[in-house]
Amino acid sequence: MDTSQKLIDYGFRQVNRTQECRLLQLEIAKAGDRFSTALHWYSDQPKKVYITMAKLSGAVTISESAVLENHNDLHTGVLENWKAFKESFPDIESAG
């Protein structure tokens, strides 16, 4: 089974497709988290995932360390879901 199918089975959904690339997305924020946060995976970079946080100032890509260190109980769902994702996909790294 290829990576994109494994991600879809995990809960990702396809949000865009071109002839060259597929974009899959998974919302990882939970109710009560301060900002909406999603993982974005591009088929042309199969070993990377982007953590995108939608802040009032706009969407920003954050690093794994930002998720692990700076949650301040304001995005606990993101922290929990990121850890679960990394357990399921240890070979995919944060691109941020």
PDB file of N, CA and C in Angstrom:
ATOM      1  N   MET A   1       0.848  -1.177   0.000  1.00  0.00           N
ATOM      2  CA  MET A   1       0.000   0.000   0.000  1.00  0.00           C
ATOM      3  C   MET A   1       0.893   1.240   0.000  1.00  0.00           C
ATOM      4  N   ASP A   2       0.581   2.213  -0.856  1.00  0.00           N
ATOM      5  CA  ASP A   2       1.412   3.403  -0.925  1.00  0.00           C
ATOM      6  C   ASP A   2       1.071   4.369   0.220  1.00  0.00           C
ATOM      7  N   THR A   3       1.947   5.351   0.423  1.00  0.00           N
ATOM      8  CA  THR A   3       1.808   6.290   1.533  1.00  0.00           C
ATOM      9  C   THR A   3       0.503   7.054   1.467  1.00  0.00           C
ATOM     10  N   SER A   4       0.103   7.511   0.281  1.00  0.00           N
ATOM     11  CA  SER A   4      -1.131   8.295   0.194  1.00  0.00           C
ATOM     12  C   SER A   4      -2.336   7.479   0.651  1.00  0.00           C
ATOM     13  N   GLN A   5      -2.400   6.215   0.306  1.00  0.00           N
ATOM     14  CA  GLN A   5      -3.526   5.387   0.736  1.00  0.00           C
ATOM     15  C   GLN A   5      -3.491   5.156   2.244  1.00  0.00           C
ATOM     16  N   LYS A   6      -2.297   4.967   2.801  1.00  0.00           N
ATOM     17  CA  LYS A   6      -2.173   4.806   4.252  1.00  0.00           C
ATOM     18  C   LYS A   6      -2.659   6.065   4.972  1.00  0.00           C
ATOM     19  N   LEU A   7      -2.307   7.238   4.424  1.00  0.00           N
ATOM     20  CA  LEU A   7      -2.744   8.497   5.030  1.00  0.00           C
ATOM     21  C   LEU A   7      -4.260   8.667   4.930  1.00  0.00           C
ATOM     22  N   ILE A   8      -4.832   8.307   3.794  1.00  0.00           N
ATOM     23  CA  ILE A   8      -6.284   8.377   3.628  1.00  0.00           C
ATOM     24  C   ILE A   8      -6.962   7.440   4.619  1.00  0.00           C
ATOM     25  N   ASP A   9      -6.436   6.244   4.778  1.00  0.00           N
ATOM     26  CA  ASP A   9      -6.991   5.301   5.755  1.00  0.00           C
ATOM     27  C   ASP A   9      -6.877   5.840   7.180  1.00  0.00           C
ATOM     28  N   TYR A  10      -5.852   6.658   7.435  1.00  0.00           N
ATOM     29  CA  TYR A  10      -5.643   7.262   8.756  1.00  0.00           C
ATOM     30  C   TYR A  10      -6.650   8.390   9.016  1.00  0.00           C
ATOM     31  N   GLY A  11      -7.161   9.008   7.948  1.00  0.00           N
ATOM     32  CA  GLY A  11      -8.138  10.088   8.119  1.00  0.00           C
ATOM     33  C   GLY A  11      -7.894  11.311   7.269  1.00  0.00           C
ATOM     34  N   PHE A  12      -6.785  11.334   6.534  1.00  0.00           N
ATOM     35  CA  PHE A  12      -6.517  12.454   5.637  1.00  0.00           C
ATOM     36  C   PHE A  12      -7.559  12.456   4.519  1.00  0.00           C
ATOM     37  N   ARG A  13      -7.814  13.633   3.965  1.00  0.00           N
ATOM     38  CA  ARG A  13      -8.699  13.736   2.797  1.00  0.00           C
ATOM     39  C   ARG A  13      -7.971  14.514   1.707  1.00  0.00           C
ATOM     40  N   GLN A  14      -8.294  14.180   0.478  1.00  0.00           N
ATOM     41  CA  GLN A  14      -7.673  14.875  -0.650  1.00  0.00           C
ATOM     42  C   GLN A  14      -8.324  16.239  -0.813  1.00  0.00           C
ATOM     43  N   VAL A  15      -7.508  17.297  -0.855  1.00  0.00           N
ATOM     44  CA  VAL A  15      -8.039  18.643  -1.030  1.00  0.00           C
ATOM     45  C   VAL A  15      -7.653  19.253  -2.374  1.00  0.00           C
ATOM     46  N   ASN A  16      -6.672  18.657  -3.033  1.00  0.00           N
ATOM     47  CA  ASN A  16      -6.267  19.162  -4.348  1.00  0.00           C
ATOM     48  C   ASN A  16      -5.495  18.068  -5.073  1.00  0.00           C
ATOM     49  N   ARG A  17      -5.605  18.103  -6.396  1.00  0.00           N
ATOM     50  CA  ARG A  17      -4.842  17.161  -7.215  1.00  0.00           C
ATOM     51  C   ARG A  17      -4.532  17.830  -8.545  1.00  0.00           C
ATOM     52  N   THR A  18      -3.278  17.720  -8.939  1.00  0.00           N
ATOM     53  CA  THR A  18      -2.858  18.160 -10.270  1.00  0.00           C
ATOM     54  C   THR A  18      -2.307  16.932 -10.976  1.00  0.00           C
ATOM     55  N   GLN A  19      -1.825  17.112 -12.178  1.00  0.00           N
ATOM     56  CA  GLN A  19      -1.229  15.976 -12.882  1.00  0.00           C
ATOM     57  C   GLN A  19       0.038  15.495 -12.181  1.00  0.00           C
ATOM     58  N   GLU A  20       0.728  16.398 -11.500  1.00  0.00           N
ATOM     59  CA  GLU A  20       1.996  16.060 -10.877  1.00  0.00           C
ATOM     60  C   GLU A  20       1.893  15.703  -9.397  1.00  0.00           C
ATOM     61  N   CYS A  21       0.843  16.138  -8.714  1.00  0.00           N
ATOM     62  CA  CYS A  21       0.872  16.089  -7.260  1.00  0.00           C
ATOM     63  C   CYS A  21      -0.523  15.956  -6.649  1.00  0.00           C
ATOM     64  N   ARG A  22      -0.585  15.252  -5.527  1.00  0.00           N
ATOM     65  CA  ARG A  22      -1.799  15.187  -4.705  1.00  0.00           C
ATOM     66  C   ARG A  22      -1.521  15.917  -3.403  1.00  0.00           C
ATOM     67  N   LEU A  23      -2.522  16.630  -2.912  1.00  0.00           N
ATOM     68  CA  LEU A  23      -2.429  17.286  -1.607  1.00  0.00           C
ATOM     69  C   LEU A  23      -3.477  16.665  -0.697  1.00  0.00           C
ATOM     70  N   LEU A  24      -3.010  16.107   0.427  1.00  0.00           N
ATOM     71  CA  LEU A  24      -3.892  15.534   1.426  1.00  0.00           C
ATOM     72  C   LEU A  24      -3.827  16.378   2.692  1.00  0.00           C
ATOM     73  N   GLN A  25      -4.947  16.435   3.415  1.00  0.00           N
ATOM     74  CA  GLN A  25      -5.030  17.266   4.623  1.00  0.00           C
ATOM     75  C   GLN A  25      -5.721  16.504   5.745  1.00  0.00           C
ATOM     76  N   LEU A  26      -5.254  16.755   6.971  1.00  0.00           N
ATOM     77  CA  LEU A  26      -5.883  16.206   8.167  1.00  0.00           C
ATOM     78  C   LEU A  26      -5.959  17.303   9.214  1.00  0.00           C
ATOM     79  N   GLU A  27      -7.160  17.631   9.661  1.00  0.00           N
ATOM     80  CA  GLU A  27      -7.333  18.586  10.752  1.00  0.00           C
ATOM     81  C   GLU A  27      -6.897  17.902  12.041  1.00  0.00           C
ATOM     82  N   ILE A  28      -6.014  18.555  12.809  1.00  0.00           N
ATOM     83  CA  ILE A  28      -5.553  17.931  14.052  1.00  0.00           C
ATOM     84  C   ILE A  28      -5.941  18.729  15.288  1.00  0.00           C
ATOM     85  N   ALA A  29      -6.536  19.892  15.114  1.00  0.00           N
ATOM     86  CA  ALA A  29      -7.006  20.659  16.266  1.00  0.00           C
ATOM     87  C   ALA A  29      -8.299  20.031  16.776  1.00  0.00           C
ATOM     88  N   LYS A  30      -8.522  20.148  18.059  1.00  0.00           N
ATOM     89  CA  LYS A  30      -9.756  19.680  18.681  1.00  0.00           C
ATOM     90  C   LYS A  30     -10.562  20.888  19.153  1.00  0.00           C
ATOM     91  N   ALA A  31     -11.817  20.670  19.456  1.00  0.00           N
ATOM     92  CA  ALA A  31     -12.652  21.735  20.010  1.00  0.00           C
ATOM     93  C   ALA A  31     -11.972  22.284  21.262  1.00  0.00           C
ATOM     94  N   GLY A  32     -11.889  23.589  21.354  1.00  0.00           N
ATOM     95  CA  GLY A  32     -11.231  24.226  22.495  1.00  0.00           C
ATOM     96  C   GLY A  32      -9.808  24.660  22.214  1.00  0.00           C
ATOM     97  N   ASP A  33      -9.200  24.151  21.144  1.00  0.00           N
ATOM     98  CA  ASP A  33      -7.858  24.619  20.766  1.00  0.00           C
ATOM     99  C   ASP A  33      -7.959  26.051  20.259  1.00  0.00           C
ATOM    100  N   ARG A  34      -6.936  26.829  20.515  1.00  0.00           N
ATOM    101  CA  ARG A  34      -6.969  28.250  20.166  1.00  0.00           C
ATOM    102  C   ARG A  34      -6.993  28.491  18.662  1.00  0.00           C
ATOM    103  N   PHE A  35      -6.222  27.734  17.898  1.00  0.00           N
ATOM    104  CA  PHE A  35      -6.125  27.939  16.462  1.00  0.00           C
ATOM    105  C   PHE A  35      -6.442  26.651  15.710  1.00  0.00           C
ATOM    106  N   SER A  36      -7.003  26.799  14.549  1.00  0.00           N
ATOM    107  CA  SER A  36      -7.212  25.666  13.654  1.00  0.00           C
ATOM    108  C   SER A  36      -5.850  25.220  13.135  1.00  0.00           C
ATOM    109  N   THR A  37      -5.597  23.927  13.175  1.00  0.00           N
ATOM    110  CA  THR A  37      -4.303  23.407  12.748  1.00  0.00           C
ATOM    111  C   THR A  37      -4.520  22.142  11.937  1.00  0.00           C
ATOM    112  N   ALA A  38      -3.767  22.021  10.848  1.00  0.00           N
ATOM    113  CA  ALA A  38      -3.909  20.864   9.963  1.00  0.00           C
ATOM    114  C   ALA A  38      -2.537  20.377   9.521  1.00  0.00           C
ATOM    115  N   LEU A  39      -2.498  19.103   9.151  1.00  0.00           N
ATOM    116  CA  LEU A  39      -1.317  18.530   8.513  1.00  0.00           C
ATOM    117  C   LEU A  39      -1.578  18.505   7.020  1.00  0.00           C
ATOM    118  N   HIS A  40      -0.574  18.904   6.246  1.00  0.00           N
ATOM    119  CA  HIS A  40      -0.667  18.871   4.781  1.00  0.00           C
ATOM    120  C   HIS A  40       0.462  18.002   4.249  1.00  0.00           C
ATOM    121  N   TRP A  41       0.107  17.061   3.381  1.00  0.00           N
ATOM    122  CA  TRP A  41       1.065  16.135   2.782  1.00  0.00           C
ATOM    123  C   TRP A  41       0.963  16.244   1.271  1.00  0.00           C
ATOM    124  N   TYR A  42       2.102  16.422   0.627  1.00  0.00           N
ATOM    125  CA  TYR A  42       2.178  16.526  -0.832  1.00  0.00           C
ATOM    126  C   TYR A  42       2.843  15.260  -1.374  1.00  0.00           C
ATOM    127  N   SER A  43       2.251  14.685  -2.403  1.00  0.00           N
ATOM    128  CA  SER A  43       2.766  13.418  -2.940  1.00  0.00           C
ATOM    129  C   SER A  43       4.155  13.546  -3.548  1.00  0.00           C
ATOM    130  N   ASP A  44       4.552  14.752  -3.929  1.00  0.00           N
ATOM    131  CA  ASP A  44       5.901  14.918  -4.487  1.00  0.00           C
ATOM    132  C   ASP A  44       6.967  15.057  -3.388  1.00  0.00           C
ATOM    133  N   GLN A  45       6.546  15.082  -2.120  1.00  0.00           N
ATOM    134  CA  GLN A  45       7.451  15.106  -0.970  1.00  0.00           C
ATOM    135  C   GLN A  45       6.935  14.081   0.058  1.00  0.00           C
ATOM    136  N   PRO A  46       6.969  12.814  -0.265  1.00  0.00           N
ATOM    137  CA  PRO A  46       6.277  11.798   0.542  1.00  0.00           C
ATOM    138  C   PRO A  46       6.814  11.592   1.954  1.00  0.00           C
ATOM    139  N   LYS A  47       7.989  12.076   2.258  1.00  0.00           N
ATOM    140  CA  LYS A  47       8.560  11.892   3.595  1.00  0.00           C
ATOM    141  C   LYS A  47       8.434  13.134   4.471  1.00  0.00           C
ATOM    142  N   LYS A  48       7.612  14.111   4.013  1.00  0.00           N
ATOM    143  CA  LYS A  48       7.441  15.357   4.771  1.00  0.00           C
ATOM    144  C   LYS A  48       5.965  15.660   4.943  1.00  0.00           C
ATOM    145  N   VAL A  49       5.655  16.319   6.048  1.00  0.00           N
ATOM    146  CA  VAL A  49       4.311  16.815   6.286  1.00  0.00           C
ATOM    147  C   VAL A  49       4.442  18.237   6.832  1.00  0.00           C
ATOM    148  N   TYR A  50       3.561  19.102   6.401  1.00  0.00           N
ATOM    149  CA  TYR A  50       3.558  20.489   6.848  1.00  0.00           C
ATOM    150  C   TYR A  50       2.500  20.653   7.924  1.00  0.00           C
ATOM    151  N   ILE A  51       2.876  21.296   9.035  1.00  0.00           N
ATOM    152  CA  ILE A  51       1.930  21.596  10.110  1.00  0.00           C
ATOM    153  C   ILE A  51       1.520  23.053   9.907  1.00  0.00           C
ATOM    154  N   THR A  52       0.275  23.258   9.529  1.00  0.00           N
ATOM    155  CA  THR A  52      -0.202  24.598   9.198  1.00  0.00           C
ATOM    156  C   THR A  52      -1.192  25.060  10.252  1.00  0.00           C
ATOM    157  N   MET A  53      -0.888  26.212  10.863  1.00  0.00           N
ATOM    158  CA  MET A  53      -1.743  26.787  11.889  1.00  0.00           C
ATOM    159  C   MET A  53      -2.369  28.062  11.345  1.00  0.00           C
ATOM    160  N   ALA A  54      -3.692  28.155  11.440  1.00  0.00           N
ATOM    161  CA  ALA A  54      -4.410  29.346  10.979  1.00  0.00           C
ATOM    162  C   ALA A  54      -4.559  30.302  12.153  1.00  0.00           C
ATOM    163  N   LYS A  55      -3.751  31.362  12.149  1.00  0.00           N
ATOM    164  CA  LYS A  55      -3.809  32.383  13.199  1.00  0.00           C
ATOM    165  C   LYS A  55      -4.593  33.585  12.678  1.00  0.00           C
ATOM    166  N   LEU A  56      -4.861  34.531  13.532  1.00  0.00           N
ATOM    167  CA  LEU A  56      -5.571  35.741  13.113  1.00  0.00           C
ATOM    168  C   LEU A  56      -4.781  36.509  12.056  1.00  0.00           C
ATOM    169  N   SER A  57      -3.465  36.411  12.109  1.00  0.00           N
ATOM    170  CA  SER A  57      -2.612  37.106  11.148  1.00  0.00           C
ATOM    171  C   SER A  57      -2.472  36.352   9.832  1.00  0.00           C
ATOM    172  N   GLY A  58      -2.974  35.121   9.767  1.00  0.00           N
ATOM    173  CA  GLY A  58      -2.892  34.309   8.558  1.00  0.00           C
ATOM    174  C   GLY A  58      -2.319  32.931   8.859  1.00  0.00           C
ATOM    175  N   ALA A  59      -2.290  32.097   7.859  1.00  0.00           N
ATOM    176  CA  ALA A  59      -1.775  30.731   8.017  1.00  0.00           C
ATOM    177  C   ALA A  59      -0.254  30.741   8.053  1.00  0.00           C
ATOM    178  N   VAL A  60       0.295  29.950   8.970  1.00  0.00           N
ATOM    179  CA  VAL A  60       1.747  29.815   9.084  1.00  0.00           C
ATOM    180  C   VAL A  60       2.090  28.336   9.230  1.00  0.00           C
ATOM    181  N   THR A  61       3.242  27.963   8.696  1.00  0.00           N
ATOM    182  CA  THR A  61       3.754  26.609   8.879  1.00  0.00           C
ATOM    183  C   THR A  61       4.613  26.625  10.133  1.00  0.00           C
ATOM    184  N   ILE A  62       4.324  25.699  11.034  1.00  0.00           N
ATOM    185  CA  ILE A  62       5.090  25.632  12.273  1.00  0.00           C
ATOM    186  C   ILE A  62       5.889  24.329  12.304  1.00  0.00           C
ATOM    187  N   SER A  63       6.867  24.301  13.177  1.00  0.00           N
ATOM    188  CA  SER A  63       7.740  23.131  13.282  1.00  0.00           C
ATOM    189  C   SER A  63       7.206  22.148  14.324  1.00  0.00           C
ATOM    190  N   GLU A  64       7.748  20.954  14.271  1.00  0.00           N
ATOM    191  CA  GLU A  64       7.412  19.953  15.278  1.00  0.00           C
ATOM    192  C   GLU A  64       7.780  20.460  16.668  1.00  0.00           C
ATOM    193  N   SER A  65       8.925  21.122  16.789  1.00  0.00           N
ATOM    194  CA  SER A  65       9.332  21.629  18.101  1.00  0.00           C
ATOM    195  C   SER A  65       8.352  22.678  18.622  1.00  0.00           C
ATOM    196  N   ALA A  66       7.766  23.484  17.738  1.00  0.00           N
ATOM    197  CA  ALA A  66       6.762  24.458  18.172  1.00  0.00           C
ATOM    198  C   ALA A  66       5.534  23.758  18.738  1.00  0.00           C
ATOM    199  N   VAL A  67       5.156  22.658  18.139  1.00  0.00           N
ATOM    200  CA  VAL A  67       4.013  21.884  18.650  1.00  0.00           C
ATOM    201  C   VAL A  67       4.363  21.287  20.010  1.00  0.00           C
ATOM    202  N   LEU A  68       5.541  20.716  20.133  1.00  0.00           N
ATOM    203  CA  LEU A  68       5.926  20.015  21.357  1.00  0.00           C
ATOM    204  C   LEU A  68       6.241  20.955  22.512  1.00  0.00           C
ATOM    205  N   GLU A  69       6.797  22.133  22.221  1.00  0.00           N
ATOM    206  CA  GLU A  69       7.288  23.005  23.285  1.00  0.00           C
ATOM    207  C   GLU A  69       6.363  24.160  23.641  1.00  0.00           C
ATOM    208  N   ASN A  70       5.601  24.666  22.696  1.00  0.00           N
ATOM    209  CA  ASN A  70       4.889  25.917  22.921  1.00  0.00           C
ATOM    210  C   ASN A  70       3.376  25.775  22.956  1.00  0.00           C
ATOM    211  N   HIS A  71       2.886  24.682  23.475  1.00  0.00           N
ATOM    212  CA  HIS A  71       1.436  24.507  23.414  1.00  0.00           C
ATOM    213  C   HIS A  71       0.695  25.254  24.520  1.00  0.00           C
ATOM    214  N   ASN A  72       1.279  25.486  25.678  1.00  0.00           N
ATOM    215  CA  ASN A  72       0.671  26.265  26.767  1.00  0.00           C
ATOM    216  C   ASN A  72      -0.790  25.913  27.018  1.00  0.00           C
ATOM    217  N   ASP A  73      -1.156  24.675  26.809  1.00  0.00           N
ATOM    218  CA  ASP A  73      -2.535  24.207  26.963  1.00  0.00           C
ATOM    219  C   ASP A  73      -3.515  24.938  26.055  1.00  0.00           C
ATOM    220  N   LEU A  74      -3.019  25.647  25.038  1.00  0.00           N
ATOM    221  CA  LEU A  74      -3.898  26.361  24.102  1.00  0.00           C
ATOM    222  C   LEU A  74      -4.165  25.539  22.848  1.00  0.00           C
ATOM    223  N   HIS A  75      -3.380  24.520  22.619  1.00  0.00           N
ATOM    224  CA  HIS A  75      -3.650  23.598  21.519  1.00  0.00           C
ATOM    225  C   HIS A  75      -3.256  22.172  21.907  1.00  0.00           C
ATOM    226  N   THR A  76      -3.870  21.714  22.997  1.00  0.00           N
ATOM    227  CA  THR A  76      -3.600  20.374  23.512  1.00  0.00           C
ATOM    228  C   THR A  76      -4.000  19.306  22.498  1.00  0.00           C
ATOM    229  N   GLY A  77      -5.097  19.523  21.777  1.00  0.00           N
ATOM    230  CA  GLY A  77      -5.519  18.563  20.757  1.00  0.00           C
ATOM    231  C   GLY A  77      -4.477  18.395  19.677  1.00  0.00           C
ATOM    232  N   VAL A  78      -3.868  19.502  19.278  1.00  0.00           N
ATOM    233  CA  VAL A  78      -2.810  19.453  18.257  1.00  0.00           C
ATOM    234  C   VAL A  78      -1.644  18.613  18.766  1.00  0.00           C
ATOM    235  N   LEU A  79      -1.247  18.840  20.005  1.00  0.00           N
ATOM    236  CA  LEU A  79      -0.141  18.083  20.593  1.00  0.00           C
ATOM    237  C   LEU A  79      -0.464  16.589  20.630  1.00  0.00           C
ATOM    238  N   GLU A  80      -1.641  16.243  21.111  1.00  0.00           N
ATOM    239  CA  GLU A  80      -2.034  14.836  21.196  1.00  0.00           C
ATOM    240  C   GLU A  80      -2.104  14.188  19.813  1.00  0.00           C
ATOM    241  N   ASN A  81      -2.709  14.885  18.858  1.00  0.00           N
ATOM    242  CA  ASN A  81      -2.861  14.326  17.518  1.00  0.00           C
ATOM    243  C   ASN A  81      -1.535  14.246  16.779  1.00  0.00           C
ATOM    244  N   TRP A  82      -0.634  15.186  17.020  1.00  0.00           N
ATOM    245  CA  TRP A  82       0.690  15.124  16.393  1.00  0.00           C
ATOM    246  C   TRP A  82       1.455  13.900  16.911  1.00  0.00           C
ATOM    247  N   LYS A  83       1.412  13.687  18.214  1.00  0.00           N
ATOM    248  CA  LYS A  83       2.112  12.530  18.787  1.00  0.00           C
ATOM    249  C   LYS A  83       1.549  11.220  18.230  1.00  0.00           C
ATOM    250  N   ALA A  84       0.231  11.146  18.097  1.00  0.00           N
ATOM    251  CA  ALA A  84      -0.396   9.935  17.535  1.00  0.00           C
ATOM    252  C   ALA A  84       0.015   9.738  16.082  1.00  0.00           C
ATOM    253  N   PHE A  85       0.071  10.841  15.320  1.00  0.00           N
ATOM    254  CA  PHE A  85       0.498  10.758  13.916  1.00  0.00           C
ATOM    255  C   PHE A  85       1.933  10.238  13.829  1.00  0.00           C
ATOM    256  N   LYS A  86       2.824  10.781  14.657  1.00  0.00           N
ATOM    257  CA  LYS A  86       4.230  10.366  14.621  1.00  0.00           C
ATOM    258  C   LYS A  86       4.392   8.901  15.011  1.00  0.00           C
ATOM    259  N   GLU A  87       3.566   8.398  15.908  1.00  0.00           N
ATOM    260  CA  GLU A  87       3.628   6.979  16.256  1.00  0.00           C
ATOM    261  C   GLU A  87       3.213   6.123  15.065  1.00  0.00           C
ATOM    262  N   SER A  88       2.222   6.584  14.316  1.00  0.00           N
ATOM    263  CA  SER A  88       1.730   5.816  13.171  1.00  0.00           C
ATOM    264  C   SER A  88       2.605   5.967  11.933  1.00  0.00           C
ATOM    265  N   PHE A  89       3.272   7.116  11.805  1.00  0.00           N
ATOM    266  CA  PHE A  89       4.108   7.403  10.623  1.00  0.00           C
ATOM    267  C   PHE A  89       5.476   7.943  11.054  1.00  0.00           C
ATOM    268  N   PRO A  90       6.300   7.133  11.684  1.00  0.00           N
ATOM    269  CA  PRO A  90       7.583   7.626  12.174  1.00  0.00           C
ATOM    270  C   PRO A  90       8.552   8.053  11.076  1.00  0.00           C
ATOM    271  N   ASP A  91       8.336   7.588   9.860  1.00  0.00           N
ATOM    272  CA  ASP A  91       9.237   7.922   8.750  1.00  0.00           C
ATOM    273  C   ASP A  91       8.884   9.244   8.077  1.00  0.00           C
ATOM    274  N   ILE A  92       7.754   9.874   8.439  1.00  0.00           N
ATOM    275  CA  ILE A  92       7.373  11.158   7.854  1.00  0.00           C
ATOM    276  C   ILE A  92       7.750  12.248   8.852  1.00  0.00           C
ATOM    277  N   GLU A  93       8.538  13.212   8.394  1.00  0.00           N
ATOM    278  CA  GLU A  93       9.057  14.287   9.246  1.00  0.00           C
ATOM    279  C   GLU A  93       8.312  15.597   9.008  1.00  0.00           C
ATOM    280  N   SER A  94       8.331  16.446  10.000  1.00  0.00           N
ATOM    281  CA  SER A  94       7.790  17.801   9.869  1.00  0.00           C
ATOM    282  C   SER A  94       8.671  18.603   8.924  1.00  0.00           C
ATOM    283  N   ALA A  95       8.057  19.312   8.001  1.00  0.00           N
ATOM    284  CA  ALA A  95       8.806  20.125   7.045  1.00  0.00           C
ATOM    285  C   ALA A  95       9.095  21.523   7.600  1.00  0.00           C
ATOM    286  N   GLY A  96       8.512  21.862   8.713  1.00  0.00           N
ATOM    287  CA  GLY A  96       8.665  23.210   9.272  1.00  0.00           C
ATOM    288  C   GLY A  96       9.897  23.392  10.093  1.00  0.00           C
TER     289      GLY A  96
END
